Amino acid sequence: MLIEGSSALVVGGAGGLGEATVRRLHTAGARVVVADLADDRGKALEAELGVRYVRTDATDETSVAAAVEEASLAGEFRIAVDCHGGPASGGRLVGRDGSPLALDGFRTTVEVYLTGVFNVLRLAAAAVARTAPYGEDGGRGVVVTTSSIAAYEGQIGQLPYAAAKGGVSAMTLVAARDLSPLGVRVVSVAPGTILTPAYGKAGGQLEAYWGPQVPHPRRMGRPEEYAALVQHLCENDYLNGEVVRLDGALRFPPK
């Protein structure tokens, strides 16, 4: 699939992973629509790159549908990338005081990190499926979601987030099978520890803690490495139904 000339929607496109992806796809010639709730950063990218910014809540059907429509109007809509974030609750399943983990926090985390991904996946896939096929294989495009290595090695106190990301990983193959008759691929990236600008001054401390735990290269990942993988997932038509770890061979310890 050629990225150049295609329309691409990046949900969470004003964040660290998202901004790197927006820049990568824009440089590759895509007509990028940035969907996010961070108005200041989204509008700054719009002014700098000439991309389109649309305020978008991934958990809201009307909001995502509007962003998808914007991407559909921008050109042949073939690429949707979802790397949105949000609040995540944590804590041990049963605390030291004997109290159970709050149900509301679990629901909120799953709503943002799983239901939101499903919402973007279903609406974007339906729009990509309406795009004319390219090439001899009848492909129409790809939806890239973002899981986490926490889906496989969730740490102590990380149960809601691990459950949500585990759901994202589990959806990948099923969604790819569901969409195969339509020529729409689904792949997911499971990042390890990625150092994004959102950490601010704490980034140095995180690098000092996590960097030595990564087998090789012995550092945290970079948003640009996530974006480079996304580009390859878009361009390689034989990658489908797979969750790709991006973690330097890191396996999370219990805590």
Protein backbone atom coordinates (compact mmCIF):
# COMPACT_ATOMS: atom_id res chain seq x y z
CA MET A 1 0.00 0.00 0.00
CA LEU A 2 1.27 3.43 -0.89
CA ILE A 3 1.10 5.98 1.90
CA GLU A 4 1.71 8.89 -0.46
CA GLY A 5 -1.60 10.43 -1.46
CA SER A 6 -3.64 8.38 1.02
CA SER A 7 -5.69 9.92 3.78
CA ALA A 8 -4.63 8.96 7.32
CA LEU A 9 -6.40 9.45 10.64
CA VAL A 10 -4.26 9.47 13.80
CA VAL A 11 -6.35 9.31 16.97
CA GLY A 12 -4.26 10.61 19.84
CA GLY A 13 -2.21 12.43 17.23
CA ALA A 14 -1.21 15.29 19.53
CA GLY A 15 0.48 13.00 22.08
CA GLY A 16 4.02 11.65 22.03
CA LEU A 17 3.44 8.49 20.00
CA GLY A 18 0.75 10.19 17.96
CA GLU A 19 2.74 13.29 17.06
CA ALA A 20 5.69 11.18 15.91
CA THR A 21 3.28 9.15 13.77
CA VAL A 22 1.66 12.26 12.33
CA ARG A 23 5.05 13.63 11.35
CA ARG A 24 6.16 10.30 9.85
CA LEU A 25 3.02 9.82 7.76
CA HIS A 26 2.99 13.46 6.70
CA THR A 27 6.61 13.20 5.52
CA ALA A 28 5.66 10.02 3.62
CA GLY A 29 3.03 12.00 1.71
CA ALA A 30 -0.19 11.15 3.54
CA ARG A 31 -2.99 13.65 4.06
CA VAL A 32 -3.14 13.46 7.83
CA VAL A 33 -6.05 14.24 10.13
CA VAL A 34 -5.06 14.66 13.79
CA ALA A 35 -7.77 13.60 16.23
CA ASP A 36 -7.23 14.46 19.88
CA LEU A 37 -8.51 16.40 22.88
CA ALA A 38 -5.29 18.42 23.28
CA ASP A 39 -6.39 21.51 21.40
CA ASP A 40 -3.23 23.57 21.85
CA ARG A 41 -0.88 20.89 20.56
CA GLY A 42 -3.29 19.77 17.84
CA LYS A 43 -3.69 23.29 16.49
CA ALA A 44 0.07 23.82 16.66
CA LEU A 45 0.61 20.76 14.47
CA GLU A 46 -2.08 21.99 12.12
CA ALA A 47 -0.32 25.35 11.75
CA GLU A 48 3.16 23.84 11.42
CA LEU A 49 2.50 20.94 9.05
CA GLY A 50 -0.70 21.87 7.27
CA VAL A 51 -2.47 18.81 8.62
CA ARG A 52 -6.08 18.96 9.82
CA TYR A 53 -6.90 18.93 13.52
CA VAL A 54 -10.26 17.68 14.78
CA ARG A 55 -11.14 17.68 18.47
CA THR A 56 -12.04 14.05 19.18
CA ASP A 57 -13.04 11.94 22.15
CA ALA A 58 -12.21 8.31 21.30
CA THR A 59 -14.97 7.01 23.58
CA ASP A 60 -17.72 9.08 21.93
CA GLU A 61 -19.41 7.70 18.80
CA THR A 62 -20.41 11.06 17.33
CA SER A 63 -16.98 12.55 17.96
CA VAL A 64 -15.06 9.72 16.29
CA ALA A 65 -17.54 9.57 13.40
CA ALA A 66 -16.86 13.25 12.69
CA ALA A 67 -13.09 12.65 12.64
CA VAL A 68 -13.52 9.65 10.35
CA GLU A 69 -15.67 11.74 8.03
CA GLU A 70 -12.96 14.40 7.94
CA ALA A 71 -10.38 11.77 6.96
CA SER A 72 -12.73 10.38 4.30
CA LEU A 73 -13.11 13.83 2.76
CA ALA A 74 -9.36 14.44 2.75
CA GLY A 75 -8.67 11.72 0.16
CA GLU A 76 -8.65 7.95 -0.22
CA PHE A 77 -9.00 6.94 3.41
CA ARG A 78 -6.69 3.95 3.85
CA ILE A 79 -4.89 4.45 7.19
CA ALA A 80 -6.22 4.75 10.73
CA VAL A 81 -3.86 4.73 13.70
CA ASP A 82 -5.15 4.78 17.26
CA CYS A 83 -2.70 5.65 20.05
CA HIS A 84 -4.92 7.74 22.29
CA GLY A 85 -4.37 7.80 26.04
CA GLY A 86 -6.23 8.99 29.09
CA PRO A 87 -6.76 8.31 32.78
CA ALA A 88 -5.90 4.89 34.14
CA SER A 89 -6.61 3.67 37.64
CA GLY A 90 -4.38 1.32 39.57
CA GLY A 91 -3.88 -0.46 42.84
CA ARG A 92 -3.75 -3.99 44.17
CA LEU A 93 -6.84 -6.12 43.67
CA VAL A 94 -7.15 -6.27 47.43
CA GLY A 95 -5.34 -3.51 49.30
CA ARG A 96 -3.19 -3.86 52.39
CA ASP A 97 -6.18 -2.68 54.42
CA GLY A 98 -8.29 -5.50 53.00
CA SER A 99 -10.41 -3.29 50.73
CA PRO A 100 -11.15 -4.43 47.14
CA LEU A 101 -10.02 -2.39 44.16
CA ALA A 102 -12.61 0.23 43.17
CA LEU A 103 -14.99 -0.84 40.42
CA ASP A 104 -15.44 2.68 39.02
CA GLY A 105 -11.72 3.05 38.34
CA PHE A 106 -11.66 -0.26 36.50
CA ARG A 107 -14.64 0.76 34.39
CA THR A 108 -13.10 4.13 33.52
CA THR A 109 -9.80 2.55 32.49
CA VAL A 110 -11.49 -0.07 30.31
CA GLU A 111 -13.73 2.61 28.80
CA VAL A 112 -10.74 4.69 27.70
CA TYR A 113 -8.23 2.01 26.75
CA LEU A 114 -10.45 -0.75 25.37
CA THR A 115 -13.91 0.56 24.53
CA GLY A 116 -12.37 3.67 22.98
CA VAL A 117 -10.12 1.53 20.78
CA PHE A 118 -13.08 -0.60 19.72
CA ASN A 119 -15.04 2.55 18.88
CA VAL A 120 -12.25 3.89 16.65
CA LEU A 121 -11.61 0.46 15.11
CA ARG A 122 -15.21 -0.17 14.08
CA LEU A 123 -15.91 3.30 12.69
CA ALA A 124 -12.58 3.68 10.89
CA ALA A 125 -12.75 0.17 9.42
CA ALA A 126 -16.23 0.79 8.04
CA ALA A 127 -15.00 3.94 6.29
CA VAL A 128 -11.81 2.35 4.96
CA ALA A 129 -13.93 -0.51 3.60
CA ARG A 130 -15.81 1.99 1.42
CA THR A 131 -12.57 3.11 -0.26
CA ALA A 132 -11.80 1.66 -3.68
CA PRO A 133 -9.36 -1.29 -3.56
CA TYR A 134 -5.79 -0.98 -4.77
CA GLY A 135 -3.55 -3.60 -6.34
CA GLU A 136 -4.29 -7.17 -7.36
CA ASP A 137 -5.06 -8.42 -3.83
CA GLY A 138 -8.08 -6.18 -3.33
CA GLY A 139 -6.67 -4.43 -0.28
CA ARG A 140 -8.28 -1.21 0.89
CA GLY A 141 -6.27 -0.16 3.92
CA VAL A 142 -5.23 -0.80 7.50
CA VAL A 143 -6.19 0.04 11.06
CA VAL A 144 -3.31 0.11 13.55
CA THR A 145 -4.18 -0.04 17.24
CA THR A 146 -1.93 0.31 20.28
CA SER A 147 -1.72 -2.35 22.96
CA SER A 148 1.11 -2.65 25.51
CA ILE A 149 3.46 -5.26 26.85
CA ALA A 150 1.39 -4.84 30.02
CA ALA A 151 -1.16 -6.98 28.18
CA TYR A 152 1.20 -9.90 28.70
CA GLU A 153 3.19 -9.01 31.84
CA GLY A 154 0.99 -6.61 33.75
CA GLN A 155 2.67 -5.45 36.92
CA ILE A 156 1.36 -5.41 40.48
CA GLY A 157 -1.22 -2.65 40.78
CA GLN A 158 -1.77 -2.49 37.03
CA LEU A 159 -4.76 -4.80 36.68
CA PRO A 160 -7.28 -2.38 35.03
CA TYR A 161 -4.74 -1.17 32.46
CA ALA A 162 -3.44 -4.69 31.77
CA ALA A 163 -6.99 -5.96 31.30
CA ALA A 164 -7.80 -3.18 28.85
CA LYS A 165 -4.62 -3.64 26.83
CA GLY A 166 -5.09 -7.39 26.89
CA GLY A 167 -8.46 -6.80 25.28
CA VAL A 168 -6.86 -4.71 22.54
CA SER A 169 -4.42 -7.51 21.79
CA ALA A 170 -7.21 -10.11 21.80
CA MET A 171 -9.33 -8.07 19.37
CA THR A 172 -6.59 -7.88 16.76
CA LEU A 173 -6.84 -11.31 15.15
CA VAL A 174 -10.64 -11.46 15.40
CA ALA A 175 -10.99 -8.04 13.79
CA ALA A 176 -8.57 -8.99 11.02
CA ARG A 177 -10.62 -12.11 10.30
CA ASP A 178 -13.89 -10.15 10.40
CA LEU A 179 -12.56 -7.56 7.96
CA SER A 180 -10.67 -9.87 5.58
CA PRO A 181 -13.53 -10.06 3.04
CA LEU A 182 -13.43 -6.25 2.86
CA GLY A 183 -9.68 -6.00 2.27
CA VAL A 184 -9.02 -4.13 5.53
CA ARG A 185 -6.06 -5.25 7.65
CA VAL A 186 -5.79 -4.87 11.43
CA VAL A 187 -2.49 -4.88 13.30
CA SER A 188 -1.47 -3.71 16.75
CA VAL A 189 1.71 -2.40 18.34
CA ALA A 190 2.54 -3.39 21.92
CA PRO A 191 5.12 -0.87 23.12
CA GLY A 192 7.32 -1.34 26.13
CA THR A 193 8.69 1.67 27.96
CA ILE A 194 8.63 4.62 25.56
CA LEU A 195 10.07 7.96 26.65
CA THR A 196 7.66 10.66 25.47
CA PRO A 197 7.74 14.44 26.07
CA ALA A 198 4.71 14.06 28.37
CA TYR A 199 7.02 12.86 31.16
CA GLY A 200 8.76 16.24 31.23
CA LYS A 201 11.45 16.55 33.89
CA ALA A 202 10.62 13.06 35.18
CA GLY A 203 11.92 11.60 31.91
CA GLY A 204 15.49 11.47 33.17
CA GLN A 205 14.50 9.52 36.26
CA LEU A 206 12.43 7.10 34.21
CA GLU A 207 15.30 6.56 31.79
CA ALA A 208 17.65 5.87 34.67
CA TYR A 209 15.22 3.31 36.12
CA TRP A 210 13.94 1.54 33.00
CA GLY A 211 16.89 1.89 30.64
CA PRO A 212 19.16 -0.63 32.42
CA GLN A 213 16.31 -3.18 32.51
CA VAL A 214 15.98 -3.31 28.71
CA PRO A 215 18.20 -6.07 27.27
CA HIS A 216 19.14 -4.19 24.08
CA PRO A 217 19.31 -1.41 23.30
CA ARG A 218 19.73 -0.54 26.98
CA ARG A 219 17.43 2.47 27.00
CA MET A 220 13.79 3.41 26.80
CA GLY A 221 12.14 3.44 23.40
CA ARG A 222 11.58 6.57 21.33
CA PRO A 223 8.31 7.77 19.80
CA GLU A 224 10.03 7.89 16.42
CA GLU A 225 10.64 4.14 16.64
CA TYR A 226 6.93 3.56 17.20
CA ALA A 227 6.16 5.78 14.20
CA ALA A 228 8.65 3.94 12.00
CA LEU A 229 6.98 0.64 12.88
CA VAL A 230 3.56 2.09 12.10
CA GLN A 231 4.80 3.13 8.67
CA HIS A 232 6.06 -0.38 7.97
CA LEU A 233 2.79 -1.91 9.15
CA CYS A 234 0.98 0.34 6.70
CA GLU A 235 3.23 -0.49 3.75
CA ASN A 236 3.61 -4.25 4.27
CA ASP A 237 0.39 -5.83 3.02
CA TYR A 238 1.23 -9.25 4.45
CA LEU A 239 1.22 -8.05 8.04
CA ASN A 240 -2.28 -8.72 9.33
CA GLY A 241 -3.90 -9.95 12.53
CA GLU A 242 -0.67 -9.60 14.49
CA VAL A 243 0.41 -7.80 17.67
CA VAL A 244 4.01 -6.62 17.33
CA ARG A 245 6.02 -5.98 20.50
CA LEU A 246 8.27 -2.92 20.44
CA ASP A 247 10.24 -3.29 23.65
CA GLY A 248 13.93 -4.08 23.18
CA ALA A 249 13.19 -7.61 24.55
CA LEU A 250 11.99 -6.15 27.86
CA ARG A 251 9.70 -8.32 29.98
CA PHE A 252 8.02 -6.48 32.83
CA PRO A 253 8.94 -7.77 36.29
CA PRO A 254 6.16 -8.10 38.88
CA LYS A 255 6.84 -4.53 40.08
